[in-house]
């Protein structure tokens, strides 16, 4: 991810809405930086109705499943995302590559 354009995952955990920094993003999942809740998340836990905040105007709806954790990072897989959301993420990632080229 580009430091000047951070991506966040807005997820609800135990009734609390959290904005979690996304360190790495793909069309299939993400690497989240969440030191405050890392130890409380269990592998296999599903967090539904999440929102990836890609930019000020662009959002993607995702459900995530925790696949692994190593404090302070948590690897999540997107669960049951639509083809439209997959295409949106792919387009967003391609735009980052284009921005990063000299």
PDB file of N, CA and C in Angstrom:
ATOM      1  N   UNK A   1       0.844  -1.167   0.000  1.00  0.00           N
ATOM      2  CA  UNK A   1       0.000   0.000   0.000  1.00  0.00           C
ATOM      3  C   UNK A   1       0.898   1.241   0.000  1.00  0.00           C
ATOM      4  N   UNK A   2       0.382   2.298  -0.541  1.00  0.00           N
ATOM      5  CA  UNK A   2       1.142   3.540  -0.574  1.00  0.00           C
ATOM      6  C   UNK A   2       0.904   4.315   0.717  1.00  0.00           C
ATOM      7  N   UNK A   3       1.975   4.809   1.355  1.00  0.00           N
ATOM      8  CA  UNK A   3       1.809   5.517   2.624  1.00  0.00           C
ATOM      9  C   UNK A   3       0.923   6.748   2.523  1.00  0.00           C
ATOM     10  N   UNK A   4       0.936   7.410   1.364  1.00  0.00           N
ATOM     11  CA  UNK A   4       0.123   8.608   1.229  1.00  0.00           C
ATOM     12  C   UNK A   4      -1.349   8.289   0.965  1.00  0.00           C
ATOM     13  N   UNK A   5      -1.655   7.027   0.677  1.00  0.00           N
ATOM     14  CA  UNK A   5      -3.034   6.601   0.432  1.00  0.00           C
ATOM     15  C   UNK A   5      -3.350   5.363   1.275  1.00  0.00           C
ATOM     16  N   UNK A   6      -3.414   5.498   2.590  1.00  0.00           N
ATOM     17  CA  UNK A   6      -3.668   4.317   3.421  1.00  0.00           C
ATOM     18  C   UNK A   6      -5.068   3.751   3.193  1.00  0.00           C
ATOM     19  N   UNK A   7      -5.155   2.441   3.335  1.00  0.00           N
ATOM     20  CA  UNK A   7      -6.423   1.730   3.236  1.00  0.00           C
ATOM     21  C   UNK A   7      -6.766   1.236   4.636  1.00  0.00           C
ATOM     22  N   UNK A   8      -8.042   1.324   4.984  1.00  0.00           N
ATOM     23  CA  UNK A   8      -8.500   0.867   6.287  1.00  0.00           C
ATOM     24  C   UNK A   8      -9.630  -0.131   6.123  1.00  0.00           C
ATOM     25  N   UNK A   9      -9.714  -1.041   7.072  1.00  0.00           N
ATOM     26  CA  UNK A   9     -10.845  -1.962   7.148  1.00  0.00           C
ATOM     27  C   UNK A   9     -11.685  -1.517   8.331  1.00  0.00           C
ATOM     28  N   UNK A  10     -12.937  -1.208   8.078  1.00  0.00           N
ATOM     29  CA  UNK A  10     -13.868  -0.880   9.153  1.00  0.00           C
ATOM     30  C   UNK A  10     -14.580  -2.177   9.497  1.00  0.00           C
ATOM     31  N   UNK A  11     -14.253  -2.732  10.672  1.00  0.00           N
ATOM     32  CA  UNK A  11     -14.819  -4.004  11.110  1.00  0.00           C
ATOM     33  C   UNK A  11     -15.453  -3.847  12.482  1.00  0.00           C
ATOM     34  N   UNK A  12     -16.473  -4.633  12.726  1.00  0.00           N
ATOM     35  CA  UNK A  12     -17.117  -4.634  14.040  1.00  0.00           C
ATOM     36  C   UNK A  12     -16.633  -5.871  14.792  1.00  0.00           C
ATOM     37  N   UNK A  13     -16.037  -5.629  15.958  1.00  0.00           N
ATOM     38  CA  UNK A  13     -15.524  -6.695  16.804  1.00  0.00           C
ATOM     39  C   UNK A  13     -16.092  -6.527  18.199  1.00  0.00           C
ATOM     40  N   UNK A  14     -16.835  -7.521  18.643  1.00  0.00           N
ATOM     41  CA  UNK A  14     -17.476  -7.501  19.960  1.00  0.00           C
ATOM     42  C   UNK A  14     -18.283  -6.226  20.181  1.00  0.00           C
ATOM     43  N   UNK A  15     -19.019  -5.836  19.149  1.00  0.00           N
ATOM     44  CA  UNK A  15     -19.912  -4.689  19.237  1.00  0.00           C
ATOM     45  C   UNK A  15     -19.250  -3.335  19.062  1.00  0.00           C
ATOM     46  N   UNK A  16     -17.953  -3.325  18.820  1.00  0.00           N
ATOM     47  CA  UNK A  16     -17.226  -2.061  18.675  1.00  0.00           C
ATOM     48  C   UNK A  16     -16.758  -1.924  17.234  1.00  0.00           C
ATOM     49  N   UNK A  17     -17.029  -0.762  16.631  1.00  0.00           N
ATOM     50  CA  UNK A  17     -16.594  -0.483  15.271  1.00  0.00           C
ATOM     51  C   UNK A  17     -15.149   0.008  15.301  1.00  0.00           C
ATOM     52  N   UNK A  18     -14.283  -0.677  14.547  1.00  0.00           N
ATOM     53  CA  UNK A  18     -12.863  -0.348  14.529  1.00  0.00           C
ATOM     54  C   UNK A  18     -12.397  -0.017  13.118  1.00  0.00           C
ATOM     55  N   UNK A  19     -11.520   0.955  12.985  1.00  0.00           N
ATOM     56  CA  UNK A  19     -10.841   1.244  11.729  1.00  0.00           C
ATOM     57  C   UNK A  19      -9.442   0.670  11.856  1.00  0.00           C
ATOM     58  N   UNK A  20      -9.152  -0.357  11.065  1.00  0.00           N
ATOM     59  CA  UNK A  20      -7.904  -1.095  11.175  1.00  0.00           C
ATOM     60  C   UNK A  20      -7.067  -0.851   9.919  1.00  0.00           C
ATOM     61  N   UNK A  21      -5.809  -0.488  10.110  1.00  0.00           N
ATOM     62  CA  UNK A  21      -4.904  -0.217   9.005  1.00  0.00           C
ATOM     63  C   UNK A  21      -4.637  -1.500   8.215  1.00  0.00           C
ATOM     64  N   UNK A  22      -4.768  -1.404   6.893  1.00  0.00           N
ATOM     65  CA  UNK A  22      -4.478  -2.526   5.998  1.00  0.00           C
ATOM     66  C   UNK A  22      -3.050  -2.360   5.497  1.00  0.00           C
ATOM     67  N   UNK A  23      -2.196  -3.299   5.877  1.00  0.00           N
ATOM     68  CA  UNK A  23      -0.796  -3.229   5.478  1.00  0.00           C
ATOM     69  C   UNK A  23      -0.589  -3.781   4.075  1.00  0.00           C
ATOM     70  N   UNK A  24      -1.359  -4.800   3.722  1.00  0.00           N
ATOM     71  CA  UNK A  24      -1.238  -5.421   2.414  1.00  0.00           C
ATOM     72  C   UNK A  24      -2.630  -5.862   1.978  1.00  0.00           C
ATOM     73  N   UNK A  25      -2.915  -5.716   0.679  1.00  0.00           N
ATOM     74  CA  UNK A  25      -4.252  -6.007   0.166  1.00  0.00           C
ATOM     75  C   UNK A  25      -4.155  -6.784  -1.130  1.00  0.00           C
ATOM     76  N   UNK A  26      -5.036  -7.754  -1.285  1.00  0.00           N
ATOM     77  CA  UNK A  26      -5.173  -8.472  -2.547  1.00  0.00           C
ATOM     78  C   UNK A  26      -6.664  -8.643  -2.802  1.00  0.00           C
ATOM     79  N   UNK A  27      -7.001  -9.250  -3.929  1.00  0.00           N
ATOM     80  CA  UNK A  27      -8.423  -9.469  -4.206  1.00  0.00           C
ATOM     81  C   UNK A  27      -8.991 -10.594  -3.347  1.00  0.00           C
ATOM     82  N   UNK A  28      -8.126 -11.370  -2.708  1.00  0.00           N
ATOM     83  CA  UNK A  28      -8.602 -12.488  -1.902  1.00  0.00           C
ATOM     84  C   UNK A  28      -8.520 -12.286  -0.411  1.00  0.00           C
ATOM     85  N   UNK A  29      -7.803 -11.253   0.032  1.00  0.00           N
ATOM     86  CA  UNK A  29      -7.649 -11.055   1.467  1.00  0.00           C
ATOM     87  C   UNK A  29      -6.785  -9.858   1.785  1.00  0.00           C
ATOM     88  N   UNK A  30      -6.417  -9.757   3.065  1.00  0.00           N
ATOM     89  CA  UNK A  30      -5.637  -8.595   3.501  1.00  0.00           C
ATOM     90  C   UNK A  30      -4.809  -8.948   4.726  1.00  0.00           C
ATOM     91  N   UNK A  31      -3.767  -8.154   4.924  1.00  0.00           N
ATOM     92  CA  UNK A  31      -2.952  -8.222   6.130  1.00  0.00           C
ATOM     93  C   UNK A  31      -3.292  -6.989   6.952  1.00  0.00           C
ATOM     94  N   UNK A  32      -3.827  -7.212   8.141  1.00  0.00           N
ATOM     95  CA  UNK A  32      -4.284  -6.127   8.996  1.00  0.00           C
ATOM     96  C   UNK A  32      -3.321  -5.898  10.149  1.00  0.00           C
ATOM     97  N   UNK A  33      -3.125  -4.644  10.498  1.00  0.00           N
ATOM     98  CA  UNK A  33      -2.330  -4.269  11.668  1.00  0.00           C
ATOM     99  C   UNK A  33      -3.314  -3.950  12.788  1.00  0.00           C
ATOM    100  N   UNK A  34      -3.422  -4.860  13.741  1.00  0.00           N
ATOM    101  CA  UNK A  34      -4.403  -4.638  14.810  1.00  0.00           C
ATOM    102  C   UNK A  34      -3.865  -5.125  16.160  1.00  0.00           C
ATOM    103  N   UNK A  35      -2.874  -4.408  16.702  1.00  0.00           N
ATOM    104  CA  UNK A  35      -2.284  -4.833  17.969  1.00  0.00           C
ATOM    105  C   UNK A  35      -3.271  -4.866  19.130  1.00  0.00           C
ATOM    106  N   UNK A  36      -4.287  -4.029  19.095  1.00  0.00           N
ATOM    107  CA  UNK A  36      -5.228  -3.961  20.220  1.00  0.00           C
ATOM    108  C   UNK A  36      -6.132  -5.189  20.332  1.00  0.00           C
ATOM    109  N   UNK A  37      -6.444  -5.822  19.197  1.00  0.00           N
ATOM    110  CA  UNK A  37      -7.365  -6.960  19.249  1.00  0.00           C
ATOM    111  C   UNK A  37      -6.759  -8.260  18.732  1.00  0.00           C
ATOM    112  N   UNK A  38      -5.515  -8.232  18.313  1.00  0.00           N
ATOM    113  CA  UNK A  38      -4.883  -9.398  17.708  1.00  0.00           C
ATOM    114  C   UNK A  38      -5.027 -10.648  18.575  1.00  0.00           C
ATOM    115  N   UNK A  39      -4.706 -10.538  19.824  1.00  0.00           N
ATOM    116  CA  UNK A  39      -4.758 -11.703  20.712  1.00  0.00           C
ATOM    117  C   UNK A  39      -6.184 -12.199  20.955  1.00  0.00           C
ATOM    118  N   UNK A  40      -7.168 -11.338  20.791  1.00  0.00           N
ATOM    119  CA  UNK A  40      -8.568 -11.723  21.022  1.00  0.00           C
ATOM    120  C   UNK A  40      -9.212 -12.381  19.811  1.00  0.00           C
ATOM    121  N   UNK A  41      -8.609 -12.219  18.643  1.00  0.00           N
ATOM    122  CA  UNK A  41      -9.150 -12.837  17.432  1.00  0.00           C
ATOM    123  C   UNK A  41      -8.712 -14.288  17.357  1.00  0.00           C
ATOM    124  N   UNK A  42      -9.634 -15.163  17.029  1.00  0.00           N
ATOM    125  CA  UNK A  42      -9.329 -16.580  16.922  1.00  0.00           C
ATOM    126  C   UNK A  42      -9.328 -16.991  15.458  1.00  0.00           C
ATOM    127  N   UNK A  43      -8.410 -17.870  15.103  1.00  0.00           N
ATOM    128  CA  UNK A  43      -8.339 -18.367  13.736  1.00  0.00           C
ATOM    129  C   UNK A  43      -9.673 -19.028  13.394  1.00  0.00           C
ATOM    130  N   UNK A  44     -10.198 -18.671  12.235  1.00  0.00           N
ATOM    131  CA  UNK A  44     -11.503 -19.170  11.799  1.00  0.00           C
ATOM    132  C   UNK A  44     -12.647 -18.224  12.122  1.00  0.00           C
ATOM    133  N   UNK A  45     -12.388 -17.198  12.926  1.00  0.00           N
ATOM    134  CA  UNK A  45     -13.443 -16.247  13.294  1.00  0.00           C
ATOM    135  C   UNK A  45     -13.869 -15.444  12.070  1.00  0.00           C
ATOM    136  N   UNK A  46     -15.160 -15.318  11.898  1.00  0.00           N
ATOM    137  CA  UNK A  46     -15.722 -14.560  10.777  1.00  0.00           C
ATOM    138  C   UNK A  46     -16.234 -13.225  11.296  1.00  0.00           C
ATOM    139  N   UNK A  47     -15.835 -12.157  10.600  1.00  0.00           N
ATOM    140  CA  UNK A  47     -16.333 -10.816  10.906  1.00  0.00           C
ATOM    141  C   UNK A  47     -17.118 -10.359   9.687  1.00  0.00           C
ATOM    142  N   UNK A  48     -18.411 -10.235   9.860  1.00  0.00           N
ATOM    143  CA  UNK A  48     -19.305  -9.916   8.742  1.00  0.00           C
ATOM    144  C   UNK A  48     -19.532  -8.420   8.618  1.00  0.00           C
ATOM    145  N   UNK A  49     -19.967  -8.031   7.437  1.00  0.00           N
ATOM    146  CA  UNK A  49     -20.384  -6.661   7.139  1.00  0.00           C
ATOM    147  C   UNK A  49     -19.264  -5.640   7.320  1.00  0.00           C
ATOM    148  N   UNK A  50     -18.057  -6.021   6.904  1.00  0.00           N
ATOM    149  CA  UNK A  50     -16.924  -5.106   6.957  1.00  0.00           C
ATOM    150  C   UNK A  50     -16.913  -4.186   5.744  1.00  0.00           C
ATOM    151  N   UNK A  51     -16.177  -3.108   5.871  1.00  0.00           N
ATOM    152  CA  UNK A  51     -16.039  -2.144   4.780  1.00  0.00           C
ATOM    153  C   UNK A  51     -14.557  -1.821   4.615  1.00  0.00           C
ATOM    154  N   UNK A  52     -14.049  -2.008   3.393  1.00  0.00           N
ATOM    155  CA  UNK A  52     -12.707  -1.546   3.082  1.00  0.00           C
ATOM    156  C   UNK A  52     -12.807  -0.113   2.603  1.00  0.00           C
ATOM    157  N   UNK A  53     -12.105   0.774   3.267  1.00  0.00           N
ATOM    158  CA  UNK A  53     -12.084   2.183   2.883  1.00  0.00           C
ATOM    159  C   UNK A  53     -10.855   2.363   1.991  1.00  0.00           C
ATOM    160  N   UNK A  54     -11.097   2.353   0.683  1.00  0.00           N
ATOM    161  CA  UNK A  54     -10.012   2.416  -0.293  1.00  0.00           C
ATOM    162  C   UNK A  54      -9.548   3.846  -0.561  1.00  0.00           C
ATOM    163  N   UNK A  55     -10.476   4.777  -0.485  1.00  0.00           N
ATOM    164  CA  UNK A  55     -10.176   6.201  -0.664  1.00  0.00           C
ATOM    165  C   UNK A  55     -11.304   6.983  -0.004  1.00  0.00           C
ATOM    166  N   UNK A  56     -11.234   8.294  -0.097  1.00  0.00           N
ATOM    167  CA  UNK A  56     -12.286   9.112   0.495  1.00  0.00           C
ATOM    168  C   UNK A  56     -13.659   8.783  -0.078  1.00  0.00           C
ATOM    169  N   UNK A  57     -13.698   8.402  -1.352  1.00  0.00           N
ATOM    170  CA  UNK A  57     -14.978   8.175  -2.022  1.00  0.00           C
ATOM    171  C   UNK A  57     -15.261   6.716  -2.343  1.00  0.00           C
ATOM    172  N   UNK A  58     -14.274   5.843  -2.182  1.00  0.00           N
ATOM    173  CA  UNK A  58     -14.447   4.459  -2.631  1.00  0.00           C
ATOM    174  C   UNK A  58     -14.427   3.483  -1.456  1.00  0.00           C
ATOM    175  N   UNK A  59     -15.460   2.641  -1.412  1.00  0.00           N
ATOM    176  CA  UNK A  59     -15.618   1.642  -0.356  1.00  0.00           C
ATOM    177  C   UNK A  59     -15.930   0.293  -0.993  1.00  0.00           C
ATOM    178  N   UNK A  60     -15.538  -0.780  -0.309  1.00  0.00           N
ATOM    179  CA  UNK A  60     -15.860  -2.130  -0.769  1.00  0.00           C
ATOM    180  C   UNK A  60     -16.384  -2.922   0.427  1.00  0.00           C
ATOM    181  N   UNK A  61     -17.507  -3.587   0.247  1.00  0.00           N
ATOM    182  CA  UNK A  61     -18.102  -4.392   1.311  1.00  0.00           C
ATOM    183  C   UNK A  61     -17.470  -5.775   1.325  1.00  0.00           C
ATOM    184  N   UNK A  62     -17.032  -6.209   2.516  1.00  0.00           N
ATOM    185  CA  UNK A  62     -16.382  -7.514   2.644  1.00  0.00           C
ATOM    186  C   UNK A  62     -16.750  -8.174   3.976  1.00  0.00           C
ATOM    187  N   UNK A  63     -16.812  -9.483   3.928  1.00  0.00           N
ATOM    188  CA  UNK A  63     -16.819 -10.297   5.139  1.00  0.00           C
ATOM    189  C   UNK A  63     -15.439 -10.929   5.188  1.00  0.00           C
ATOM    190  N   UNK A  64     -14.857 -11.024   6.375  1.00  0.00           N
ATOM    191  CA  UNK A  64     -13.510 -11.586   6.478  1.00  0.00           C
ATOM    192  C   UNK A  64     -13.490 -12.769   7.438  1.00  0.00           C
ATOM    193  N   UNK A  65     -12.551 -13.680   7.185  1.00  0.00           N
ATOM    194  CA  UNK A  65     -12.301 -14.817   8.063  1.00  0.00           C
ATOM    195  C   UNK A  65     -10.829 -14.761   8.454  1.00  0.00           C
ATOM    196  N   UNK A  66     -10.562 -14.841   9.746  1.00  0.00           N
ATOM    197  CA  UNK A  66      -9.188 -14.819  10.245  1.00  0.00           C
ATOM    198  C   UNK A  66      -8.529 -16.139   9.861  1.00  0.00           C
ATOM    199  N   UNK A  67      -7.404 -16.061   9.139  1.00  0.00           N
ATOM    200  CA  UNK A  67      -6.679 -17.260   8.705  1.00  0.00           C
ATOM    201  C   UNK A  67      -5.415 -17.497   9.514  1.00  0.00           C
ATOM    202  N   UNK A  68      -4.779 -16.435   9.981  1.00  0.00           N
ATOM    203  CA  UNK A  68      -3.599 -16.577  10.823  1.00  0.00           C
ATOM    204  C   UNK A  68      -3.375 -15.279  11.585  1.00  0.00           C
ATOM    205  N   UNK A  69      -2.538 -15.350  12.603  1.00  0.00           N
ATOM    206  CA  UNK A  69      -2.187 -14.139  13.351  1.00  0.00           C
ATOM    207  C   UNK A  69      -0.802 -14.300  13.944  1.00  0.00           C
ATOM    208  N   UNK A  70      -0.077 -13.223  13.934  1.00  0.00           N
ATOM    209  CA  UNK A  70       1.226 -13.122  14.559  1.00  0.00           C
ATOM    210  C   UNK A  70       1.336 -11.668  15.003  1.00  0.00           C
ATOM    211  N   UNK A  71       1.152 -11.454  16.291  1.00  0.00           N
ATOM    212  CA  UNK A  71       1.038 -10.106  16.822  1.00  0.00           C
ATOM    213  C   UNK A  71       2.071  -9.195  16.204  1.00  0.00           C
ATOM    214  N   UNK A  72       1.688  -8.038  15.740  1.00  0.00           N
ATOM    215  CA  UNK A  72       0.387  -7.365  15.763  1.00  0.00           C
ATOM    216  C   UNK A  72      -0.415  -7.544  14.467  1.00  0.00           C
ATOM    217  N   UNK A  73       0.004  -8.490  13.625  1.00  0.00           N
ATOM    218  CA  UNK A  73      -0.633  -8.660  12.317  1.00  0.00           C
ATOM    219  C   UNK A  73      -1.621  -9.823  12.319  1.00  0.00           C
ATOM    220  N   UNK A  74      -2.671  -9.645  11.495  1.00  0.00           N
ATOM    221  CA  UNK A  74      -3.678 -10.687  11.320  1.00  0.00           C
ATOM    222  C   UNK A  74      -3.938 -10.833   9.827  1.00  0.00           C
ATOM    223  N   UNK A  75      -3.843 -12.050   9.345  1.00  0.00           N
ATOM    224  CA  UNK A  75      -4.144 -12.325   7.942  1.00  0.00           C
ATOM    225  C   UNK A  75      -5.591 -12.754   7.805  1.00  0.00           C
ATOM    226  N   UNK A  76      -6.323 -12.075   6.939  1.00  0.00           N
ATOM    227  CA  UNK A  76      -7.732 -12.403   6.738  1.00  0.00           C
ATOM    228  C   UNK A  76      -7.987 -12.738   5.272  1.00  0.00           C
ATOM    229  N   UNK A  77      -8.964 -13.602   5.077  1.00  0.00           N
ATOM    230  CA  UNK A  77      -9.424 -13.960   3.743  1.00  0.00           C
ATOM    231  C   UNK A  77     -10.818 -13.388   3.563  1.00  0.00           C
ATOM    232  N   UNK A  78     -11.078 -12.832   2.380  1.00  0.00           N
ATOM    233  CA  UNK A  78     -12.417 -12.339   2.101  1.00  0.00           C
ATOM    234  C   UNK A  78     -13.322 -13.536   1.847  1.00  0.00           C
ATOM    235  N   UNK A  79     -14.503 -13.484   2.415  1.00  0.00           N
ATOM    236  CA  UNK A  79     -15.421 -14.606   2.348  1.00  0.00           C
ATOM    237  C   UNK A  79     -16.663 -14.233   1.552  1.00  0.00           C
ATOM    238  N   UNK A  80     -16.867 -14.915   0.451  1.00  0.00           N
ATOM    239  CA  UNK A  80     -18.087 -14.737  -0.328  1.00  0.00           C
ATOM    240  C   UNK A  80     -18.250 -13.366  -0.945  1.00  0.00           C
ATOM    241  N   UNK A  81     -17.153 -12.731  -1.366  1.00  0.00           N
ATOM    242  CA  UNK A  81     -17.311 -11.406  -1.974  1.00  0.00           C
ATOM    243  C   UNK A  81     -17.847 -11.557  -3.398  1.00  0.00           C
ATOM    244  N   UNK A  82     -18.539 -10.559  -3.826  1.00  0.00           N
ATOM    245  CA  UNK A  82     -19.156 -10.583  -5.154  1.00  0.00           C
ATOM    246  C   UNK A  82     -18.102 -10.396  -6.240  1.00  0.00           C
ATOM    247  N   UNK A  83     -18.467 -10.766  -7.449  1.00  0.00           N
ATOM    248  CA  UNK A  83     -17.567 -10.551  -8.582  1.00  0.00           C
ATOM    249  C   UNK A  83     -17.361  -9.052  -8.799  1.00  0.00           C
ATOM    250  N   UNK A  84     -18.369  -8.267  -8.495  1.00  0.00           N
ATOM    251  CA  UNK A  84     -18.250  -6.811  -8.622  1.00  0.00           C
ATOM    252  C   UNK A  84     -17.206  -6.272  -7.639  1.00  0.00           C
ATOM    253  N   UNK A  85     -17.223  -6.754  -6.408  1.00  0.00           N
ATOM    254  CA  UNK A  85     -16.245  -6.307  -5.413  1.00  0.00           C
ATOM    255  C   UNK A  85     -14.846  -6.776  -5.787  1.00  0.00           C
ATOM    256  N   UNK A  86     -14.735  -8.002  -6.285  1.00  0.00           N
ATOM    257  CA  UNK A  86     -13.435  -8.504  -6.736  1.00  0.00           C
ATOM    258  C   UNK A  86     -12.889  -7.623  -7.853  1.00  0.00           C
ATOM    259  N   UNK A  87     -13.735  -7.260  -8.808  1.00  0.00           N
ATOM    260  CA  UNK A  87     -13.320  -6.385  -9.905  1.00  0.00           C
ATOM    261  C   UNK A  87     -12.929  -5.011  -9.382  1.00  0.00           C
ATOM    262  N   UNK A  88     -13.674  -4.493  -8.413  1.00  0.00           N
ATOM    263  CA  UNK A  88     -13.370  -3.190  -7.818  1.00  0.00           C
ATOM    264  C   UNK A  88     -11.996  -3.213  -7.145  1.00  0.00           C
ATOM    265  N   UNK A  89     -11.723  -4.280  -6.382  1.00  0.00           N
ATOM    266  CA  UNK A  89     -10.423  -4.395  -5.718  1.00  0.00           C
ATOM    267  C   UNK A  89      -9.297  -4.530  -6.735  1.00  0.00           C
ATOM    268  N   UNK A  90      -9.528  -5.315  -7.763  1.00  0.00           N
ATOM    269  CA  UNK A  90      -8.529  -5.493  -8.810  1.00  0.00           C
ATOM    270  C   UNK A  90      -8.209  -4.161  -9.488  1.00  0.00           C
ATOM    271  N   UNK A  91      -9.238  -3.404  -9.805  1.00  0.00           N
ATOM    272  CA  UNK A  91      -9.050  -2.092 -10.444  1.00  0.00           C
ATOM    273  C   UNK A  91      -8.296  -1.148  -9.502  1.00  0.00           C
ATOM    274  N   UNK A  92      -8.645  -1.165  -8.228  1.00  0.00           N
ATOM    275  CA  UNK A  92      -7.964  -0.324  -7.246  1.00  0.00           C
ATOM    276  C   UNK A  92      -6.480  -0.695  -7.163  1.00  0.00           C
ATOM    277  N   UNK A  93      -6.173  -1.991  -7.091  1.00  0.00           N
ATOM    278  CA  UNK A  93      -4.786  -2.430  -7.001  1.00  0.00           C
ATOM    279  C   UNK A  93      -3.998  -2.071  -8.258  1.00  0.00           C
ATOM    280  N   UNK A  94      -4.636  -2.180  -9.410  1.00  0.00           N
ATOM    281  CA  UNK A  94      -3.978  -1.776 -10.663  1.00  0.00           C
ATOM    282  C   UNK A  94      -3.684  -0.282 -10.663  1.00  0.00           C
ATOM    283  N   UNK A  95      -4.584   0.515 -10.110  1.00  0.00           N
ATOM    284  CA  UNK A  95      -4.355   1.960 -10.055  1.00  0.00           C
ATOM    285  C   UNK A  95      -3.168   2.286  -9.148  1.00  0.00           C
ATOM    286  N   UNK A  96      -2.942   1.480  -8.105  1.00  0.00           N
ATOM    287  CA  UNK A  96      -1.789   1.692  -7.235  1.00  0.00           C
ATOM    288  C   UNK A  96      -0.500   1.396  -7.971  1.00  0.00           C
ATOM    289  N   UNK A  97      -0.513   0.338  -8.787  1.00  0.00           N
ATOM    290  CA  UNK A  97       0.677   0.000  -9.580  1.00  0.00           C
ATOM    291  C   UNK A  97       1.006   1.119 -10.550  1.00  0.00           C
ATOM    292  N   UNK A  98      -0.028   1.658 -11.188  1.00  0.00           N
ATOM    293  CA  UNK A  98       0.184   2.750 -12.146  1.00  0.00           C
ATOM    294  C   UNK A  98       0.728   3.987 -11.453  1.00  0.00           C
ATOM    295  N   UNK A  99       0.270   4.257 -10.241  1.00  0.00           N
ATOM    296  CA  UNK A  99       0.735   5.414  -9.486  1.00  0.00           C
ATOM    297  C   UNK A  99       2.182   5.234  -9.055  1.00  0.00           C
ATOM    298  N   UNK A 100       2.577   3.989  -8.745  1.00  0.00           N
ATOM    299  CA  UNK A 100       3.917   3.725  -8.242  1.00  0.00           C
ATOM    300  C   UNK A 100       4.981   3.755  -9.327  1.00  0.00           C
ATOM    301  N   UNK A 101       4.596   3.627 -10.600  1.00  0.00           N
ATOM    302  CA  UNK A 101       5.572   3.642 -11.681  1.00  0.00           C
ATOM    303  C   UNK A 101       6.144   5.044 -11.869  1.00  0.00           C
ATOM    304  N   UNK A 102       7.463   5.119 -12.198  1.00  0.00           N
ATOM    305  CA  UNK A 102       8.092   6.440 -12.379  1.00  0.00           C
ATOM    306  C   UNK A 102       7.629   7.123 -13.640  1.00  0.00           C
TER     307      UNK A 102
END
